[in-house]
N, C-alpha and C. Protein backbone atom coordinates (compact mmCIF):
# COMPACT_ATOMS: atom_id res chain seq x y z
N MET A 1 93.55 -8.84 122.56
CA MET A 1 92.83 -8.39 121.76
C MET A 1 92.01 -7.17 122.17
N THR A 2 91.88 -7.14 123.49
CA THR A 2 91.40 -5.47 124.13
C THR A 2 92.36 -4.42 123.83
N PRO A 3 93.68 -4.51 124.24
CA PRO A 3 94.50 -3.44 123.99
C PRO A 3 94.37 -2.87 122.51
N THR A 4 94.43 -3.55 121.34
CA THR A 4 94.18 -3.46 120.12
C THR A 4 93.03 -2.83 119.83
N ILE A 5 91.90 -3.16 120.39
CA ILE A 5 90.34 -2.25 120.32
C ILE A 5 90.72 -0.90 120.68
N ILE A 6 91.20 -0.86 121.92
CA ILE A 6 91.33 0.35 122.65
C ILE A 6 92.25 1.44 121.97
N VAL A 7 93.31 0.94 121.36
CA VAL A 7 94.29 1.80 120.43
C VAL A 7 93.66 2.10 119.17
N THR A 8 92.90 1.36 118.63
CA THR A 8 92.00 1.65 117.65
C THR A 8 90.70 2.85 117.92
N LEU A 9 90.39 2.50 118.95
CA LEU A 9 89.41 3.52 119.33
C LEU A 9 90.04 4.76 119.72
N VAL A 10 90.90 4.81 120.36
CA VAL A 10 91.71 6.14 120.59
C VAL A 10 92.40 6.96 119.23
N VAL A 11 92.58 6.24 118.24
CA VAL A 11 93.29 6.77 116.99
C VAL A 11 91.86 7.21 116.14
N LEU A 12 90.78 6.53 116.14
CA LEU A 12 89.51 6.95 115.60
C LEU A 12 89.10 8.25 116.30
N TRP A 13 89.06 8.47 117.52
CA TRP A 13 88.59 9.63 118.27
C TRP A 13 89.59 10.52 117.91
N GLN A 14 91.03 10.48 117.92
CA GLN A 14 91.73 11.47 117.49
C GLN A 14 91.38 12.17 116.03
N LEU A 15 91.27 11.08 115.12
CA LEU A 15 91.03 11.48 113.66
C LEU A 15 89.66 12.29 113.68
N VAL A 16 88.70 11.90 114.56
CA VAL A 16 87.18 12.80 114.60
C VAL A 16 87.52 14.27 114.91
N LEU A 17 88.45 14.27 116.01
CA LEU A 17 88.89 15.76 116.48
C LEU A 17 89.49 16.42 115.52
N VAL A 18 90.46 15.68 114.72
CA VAL A 18 91.15 16.74 113.28
C VAL A 18 89.91 16.93 112.50
N GLY A 19 88.99 16.07 112.09
CA GLY A 19 87.99 16.32 111.12
C GLY A 19 87.12 17.55 111.52
N TYR A 20 86.98 17.36 113.02
CA TYR A 20 85.95 18.38 113.50
C TYR A 20 86.77 19.92 113.64
N THR A 21 87.89 19.94 113.85
CA THR A 21 88.80 20.97 114.01
C THR A 21 88.82 21.55 112.38
N TYR A 22 89.07 20.90 111.41
CA TYR A 22 88.95 21.48 109.89
C TYR A 22 87.64 22.26 109.72
N THR A 23 86.35 21.17 110.11
CA THR A 23 84.94 21.97 110.02
C THR A 23 84.94 23.17 110.84
N LEU A 24 85.46 23.39 112.01
CA LEU A 24 85.50 24.83 112.62
C LEU A 24 86.08 25.70 111.97
N ALA A 25 87.21 25.34 111.80
CA ALA A 25 88.26 26.41 110.83
C ALA A 25 87.57 26.75 109.87
N GLY A 26 86.92 26.07 108.96
CA GLY A 26 86.16 26.46 107.55
C GLY A 26 84.86 27.26 107.95
N ASN A 27 84.33 26.99 108.78
CA ASN A 27 83.14 27.98 109.46
C ASN A 27 83.70 28.89 109.90
N ALA A 28 84.70 29.35 110.68
CA ALA A 28 85.00 30.51 111.61
C ALA A 28 85.37 31.35 110.40
N ALA A 29 86.24 31.01 109.23
CA ALA A 29 86.75 31.69 108.30
C ALA A 29 85.75 32.42 107.56
N ASP A 30 84.41 31.49 107.24
CA ASP A 30 83.55 31.77 106.68
C ASP A 30 82.83 32.93 107.35
N GLU A 31 82.63 32.85 108.40
CA GLU A 31 81.86 33.88 109.51
C GLU A 31 82.72 35.04 109.32
N ALA A 32 84.01 34.77 109.48
CA ALA A 32 84.78 36.26 109.72
C ALA A 32 85.03 36.92 108.27
N VAL A 33 84.91 36.46 107.35
CA VAL A 33 84.94 36.94 105.96
C VAL A 33 83.59 37.87 105.74
N ARG A 34 82.65 37.23 106.07
CA ARG A 34 81.04 37.81 106.07
C ARG A 34 81.20 38.90 106.75
N ALA A 35 81.38 39.01 108.10
CA ALA A 35 81.68 40.01 109.05
C ALA A 35 82.37 41.30 108.00
N ALA A 36 83.61 40.56 108.03
CA ALA A 36 84.54 41.83 107.34
C ALA A 36 84.10 42.59 106.16
N THR A 37 83.45 41.94 105.18
CA THR A 37 82.72 42.49 104.05
C THR A 37 81.35 43.44 104.59
N ALA A 38 80.95 43.35 105.71
CA ALA A 38 79.78 43.95 105.74
C ALA A 38 80.29 45.54 106.80
N ALA A 39 81.37 45.14 107.55
CA ALA A 39 81.99 46.30 108.22
C ALA A 39 82.57 47.26 107.45
N GLY A 40 82.78 48.56 107.78
CA GLY A 40 83.51 49.82 107.27
C GLY A 40 85.09 49.28 107.26
N PRO A 41 85.83 49.84 106.24
CA PRO A 41 87.51 49.64 106.13
C PRO A 41 87.92 49.72 107.44
N GLY A 42 87.56 50.37 108.00
CA GLY A 42 88.51 51.07 109.54
C GLY A 42 88.13 50.05 110.73
N ALA A 43 86.85 49.42 110.58
CA ALA A 43 86.84 48.47 111.47
C ALA A 43 86.75 47.21 111.20
N ARG A 44 87.13 46.86 110.20
CA ARG A 44 87.24 45.36 109.16
C ARG A 44 88.26 44.33 109.81
N GLN A 45 89.13 44.66 110.65
CA GLN A 45 90.16 43.90 111.11
C GLN A 45 89.41 43.35 112.73
N GLY A 46 88.92 44.26 113.43
CA GLY A 46 88.17 43.66 114.68
C GLY A 46 87.03 42.95 114.24
N ALA A 47 86.01 43.57 113.26
CA ALA A 47 84.68 42.70 112.97
C ALA A 47 85.33 41.25 112.39
N CYS A 48 86.26 41.15 111.80
CA CYS A 48 86.71 39.72 111.54
C CYS A 48 87.35 39.02 112.64
N GLN A 49 88.08 39.46 113.46
CA GLN A 49 88.50 38.54 114.61
C GLN A 49 87.50 38.23 115.55
N ASP A 50 86.45 39.30 115.77
CA ASP A 50 85.10 38.57 116.64
C ASP A 50 84.42 38.03 116.11
N ALA A 51 83.89 38.00 114.74
CA ALA A 51 83.19 36.97 114.00
C ALA A 51 83.86 35.50 114.09
N GLY A 52 85.27 35.51 113.79
CA GLY A 52 85.91 34.19 113.62
C GLY A 52 86.02 33.91 114.93
N ARG A 53 86.05 34.09 115.82
CA ARG A 53 85.92 33.43 117.12
C ARG A 53 84.68 33.16 118.06
N ASP A 54 83.64 34.02 117.32
CA ASP A 54 82.42 33.95 118.24
C ASP A 54 82.03 32.43 118.34
N LYS A 55 81.82 31.56 117.38
CA LYS A 55 81.17 30.50 117.35
C LYS A 55 82.03 28.99 117.46
N LEU A 56 83.16 29.55 117.98
CA LEU A 56 84.22 28.33 118.39
C LEU A 56 84.20 27.94 120.02
N PRO A 57 84.08 26.80 119.84
CA PRO A 57 83.96 26.19 121.20
C PRO A 57 85.20 26.90 122.00
N GLY A 58 85.04 26.73 123.39
CA GLY A 58 86.19 26.97 124.30
C GLY A 58 87.51 26.63 124.21
N ALA A 59 87.35 25.30 123.83
CA ALA A 59 88.84 24.64 123.59
C ALA A 59 89.48 24.84 122.44
N TRP A 60 88.85 25.44 121.53
CA TRP A 60 89.56 25.76 120.63
C TRP A 60 89.80 27.29 119.98
N GLU A 61 89.15 28.28 120.95
CA GLU A 61 89.10 29.51 121.09
C GLU A 61 90.43 30.08 121.44
N GLY A 62 90.94 29.40 122.25
CA GLY A 62 91.99 29.92 123.10
C GLY A 62 93.35 30.14 122.16
N GLY A 63 93.36 28.76 121.30
CA GLY A 63 95.15 29.12 120.37
C GLY A 63 94.38 29.53 119.01
N ALA A 64 93.57 29.99 118.94
CA ALA A 64 93.09 30.42 117.73
C ALA A 64 93.70 31.74 116.96
N GLY A 65 93.89 32.11 115.25
CA GLY A 65 94.49 32.83 115.06
C GLY A 65 93.67 33.12 113.98
N VAL A 66 92.93 34.41 113.82
CA VAL A 66 92.26 34.86 112.81
C VAL A 66 92.64 36.32 112.14
N ASP A 67 92.75 36.22 110.67
CA ASP A 67 93.46 37.63 110.19
C ASP A 67 92.76 37.65 108.68
N CYS A 68 92.37 38.95 108.77
CA CYS A 68 91.69 39.31 107.66
C CYS A 68 92.75 40.20 106.69
N SER A 69 92.51 40.70 105.22
CA SER A 69 92.95 41.35 104.61
C SER A 69 92.11 41.51 103.02
N THR A 70 92.45 42.79 102.67
CA THR A 70 91.69 43.22 101.70
C THR A 70 92.66 43.64 100.52
N ALA A 71 92.40 43.45 99.38
CA ALA A 71 93.10 43.82 98.29
C ALA A 71 92.35 43.51 96.80
N ASN A 72 92.19 44.68 96.15
CA ASN A 72 91.49 44.88 94.97
C ASN A 72 89.87 44.57 95.00
N GLY A 73 88.89 45.08 96.11
CA GLY A 73 87.88 44.78 96.41
C GLY A 73 87.81 43.37 96.75
N TYR A 74 88.74 42.56 97.32
CA TYR A 74 88.41 41.03 97.58
C TYR A 74 88.65 41.03 99.14
N VAL A 75 88.02 40.48 99.91
CA VAL A 75 88.27 40.22 101.35
C VAL A 75 88.45 38.55 101.65
N THR A 76 89.92 38.39 102.13
CA THR A 76 89.71 37.04 102.88
C THR A 76 90.22 37.15 104.20
N ALA A 77 89.74 35.89 104.62
CA ALA A 77 90.07 35.47 105.95
C ALA A 77 90.71 34.12 106.08
N ASP A 78 91.81 34.23 107.16
CA ASP A 78 92.48 32.78 107.43
C ASP A 78 92.32 32.77 108.96
N VAL A 79 91.96 31.36 109.18
CA VAL A 79 91.83 31.10 110.62
C VAL A 79 93.02 29.90 110.62
N ARG A 80 93.64 29.87 111.89
CA ARG A 80 94.60 28.76 112.61
C ARG A 80 94.10 28.22 113.55
N LEU A 81 93.76 26.93 113.75
CA LEU A 81 93.11 26.37 115.05
C LEU A 81 94.44 25.26 115.24
N GLU A 82 94.47 24.92 116.55
CA GLU A 82 95.21 23.74 116.98
C GLU A 82 94.44 22.50 117.32
N VAL A 83 94.85 21.49 117.05
CA VAL A 83 94.19 20.11 117.04
C VAL A 83 94.38 19.84 118.49
N PRO A 84 93.07 19.54 119.26
CA PRO A 84 93.48 18.98 120.48
C PRO A 84 93.77 17.62 120.48
N LEU A 85 94.54 17.12 121.52
CA LEU A 85 94.96 15.75 121.64
C LEU A 85 94.13 15.03 122.78
N LEU A 86 93.27 14.21 122.27
CA LEU A 86 92.41 13.40 123.08
C LEU A 86 91.35 13.97 123.50
N PHE A 87 91.35 15.12 124.18
CA PHE A 87 90.45 15.70 125.16
C PHE A 87 90.57 17.12 125.07
N PRO A 88 89.54 17.58 124.16
CA PRO A 88 89.46 19.25 123.93
C PRO A 88 89.64 19.77 125.32
N GLY A 89 90.58 21.21 125.12
CA GLY A 89 90.83 21.83 126.25
C GLY A 89 92.05 21.35 127.07
N THR A 90 92.62 20.57 126.75
CA THR A 90 93.72 19.92 127.16
C THR A 90 95.20 20.32 126.73
N VAL A 91 95.80 19.39 126.44
CA VAL A 91 97.10 19.53 125.66
C VAL A 91 96.74 19.31 123.84
N GLY A 92 97.57 20.47 123.33
CA GLY A 92 96.98 20.53 122.13
C GLY A 92 98.27 19.69 120.83
N PHE A 93 97.78 18.98 120.07
CA PHE A 93 98.44 18.08 119.17
C PHE A 93 99.39 18.83 118.34
N PRO A 94 100.33 18.39 118.08
CA PRO A 94 101.23 19.22 117.14
C PRO A 94 101.03 19.55 116.02
N PHE A 95 99.69 19.78 115.49
CA PHE A 95 99.40 20.06 114.42
C PHE A 95 98.20 21.32 113.99
N THR A 96 98.45 21.99 113.29
CA THR A 96 97.72 23.39 112.96
C THR A 96 96.96 23.10 112.05
N VAL A 97 95.35 23.33 112.05
CA VAL A 97 94.34 23.27 110.70
C VAL A 97 94.45 24.68 110.23
N HIS A 98 94.07 24.95 108.91
CA HIS A 98 94.07 26.12 108.40
C HIS A 98 93.10 26.61 107.77
N GLY A 99 92.08 27.33 107.87
CA GLY A 99 90.72 27.67 106.98
C GLY A 99 91.05 28.83 106.33
N HIS A 100 90.44 29.05 104.87
CA HIS A 100 90.72 30.18 104.35
C HIS A 100 89.03 30.55 103.83
N ALA A 101 88.75 31.70 103.87
CA ALA A 101 87.57 32.16 102.90
C ALA A 101 87.83 33.57 102.14
N GLY A 102 87.04 33.70 101.16
CA GLY A 102 87.05 35.00 100.46
C GLY A 102 86.04 35.41 99.89
N ALA A 103 85.47 36.78 99.77
CA ALA A 103 84.12 37.33 99.46
C ALA A 103 84.50 38.81 98.77
N VAL A 104 83.64 39.36 97.75
CA VAL A 104 83.70 40.54 97.35
C VAL A 104 83.51 41.17 98.47
N GLU A 105 84.06 42.61 98.34
CA GLU A 105 83.77 43.64 99.26
C GLU A 105 82.41 44.31 98.95
N GLU A 106 81.26 44.58 100.06
CA GLU A 106 80.24 44.79 99.88
C GLU A 106 80.64 46.53 99.22
N GLU A 107 79.52 47.11 98.46
CA GLU A 107 79.88 48.53 97.96
C GLU A 107 78.45 49.08 98.43
N GLU A 108 78.83 50.67 99.05
CA GLU A 108 77.72 51.26 99.66
C GLU A 108 77.09 51.94 98.60
N ASP A 109 75.63 52.03 98.88
CA ASP A 109 74.67 52.91 97.46
C ASP A 109 74.81 54.77 98.20
N ASP A 110 74.66 55.11 97.09
CA ASP A 110 74.92 56.91 97.19
C ASP A 110 73.60 57.35 97.37
N ASP A 111 72.42 56.31 97.13
CA ASP A 111 71.30 57.09 97.42
C ASP A 111 70.94 57.18 98.74
């Protein structure tokens, strides 16, 4: 019975890590697109990447990919995070989580 309990706990823990990675990816995409809309067109990609990685824990930050694009006044951010296997910061699970966010580009006042 003990091995069954241990295997169940390990599987549940891995599912928690997957869920937490989804939460981190969504939040990172929101932060990235918010920073990108506030930045000027020339500084947009740098602001997007910095904001997308800013609040990620160290175990997720290393394999993170953050990309922003602008089209027709709409800014989007895409974040890719690797799911850790059992212990964050060690081996990555062969599964990538994607986060996506979008926002309308901020207009500058001429006043």
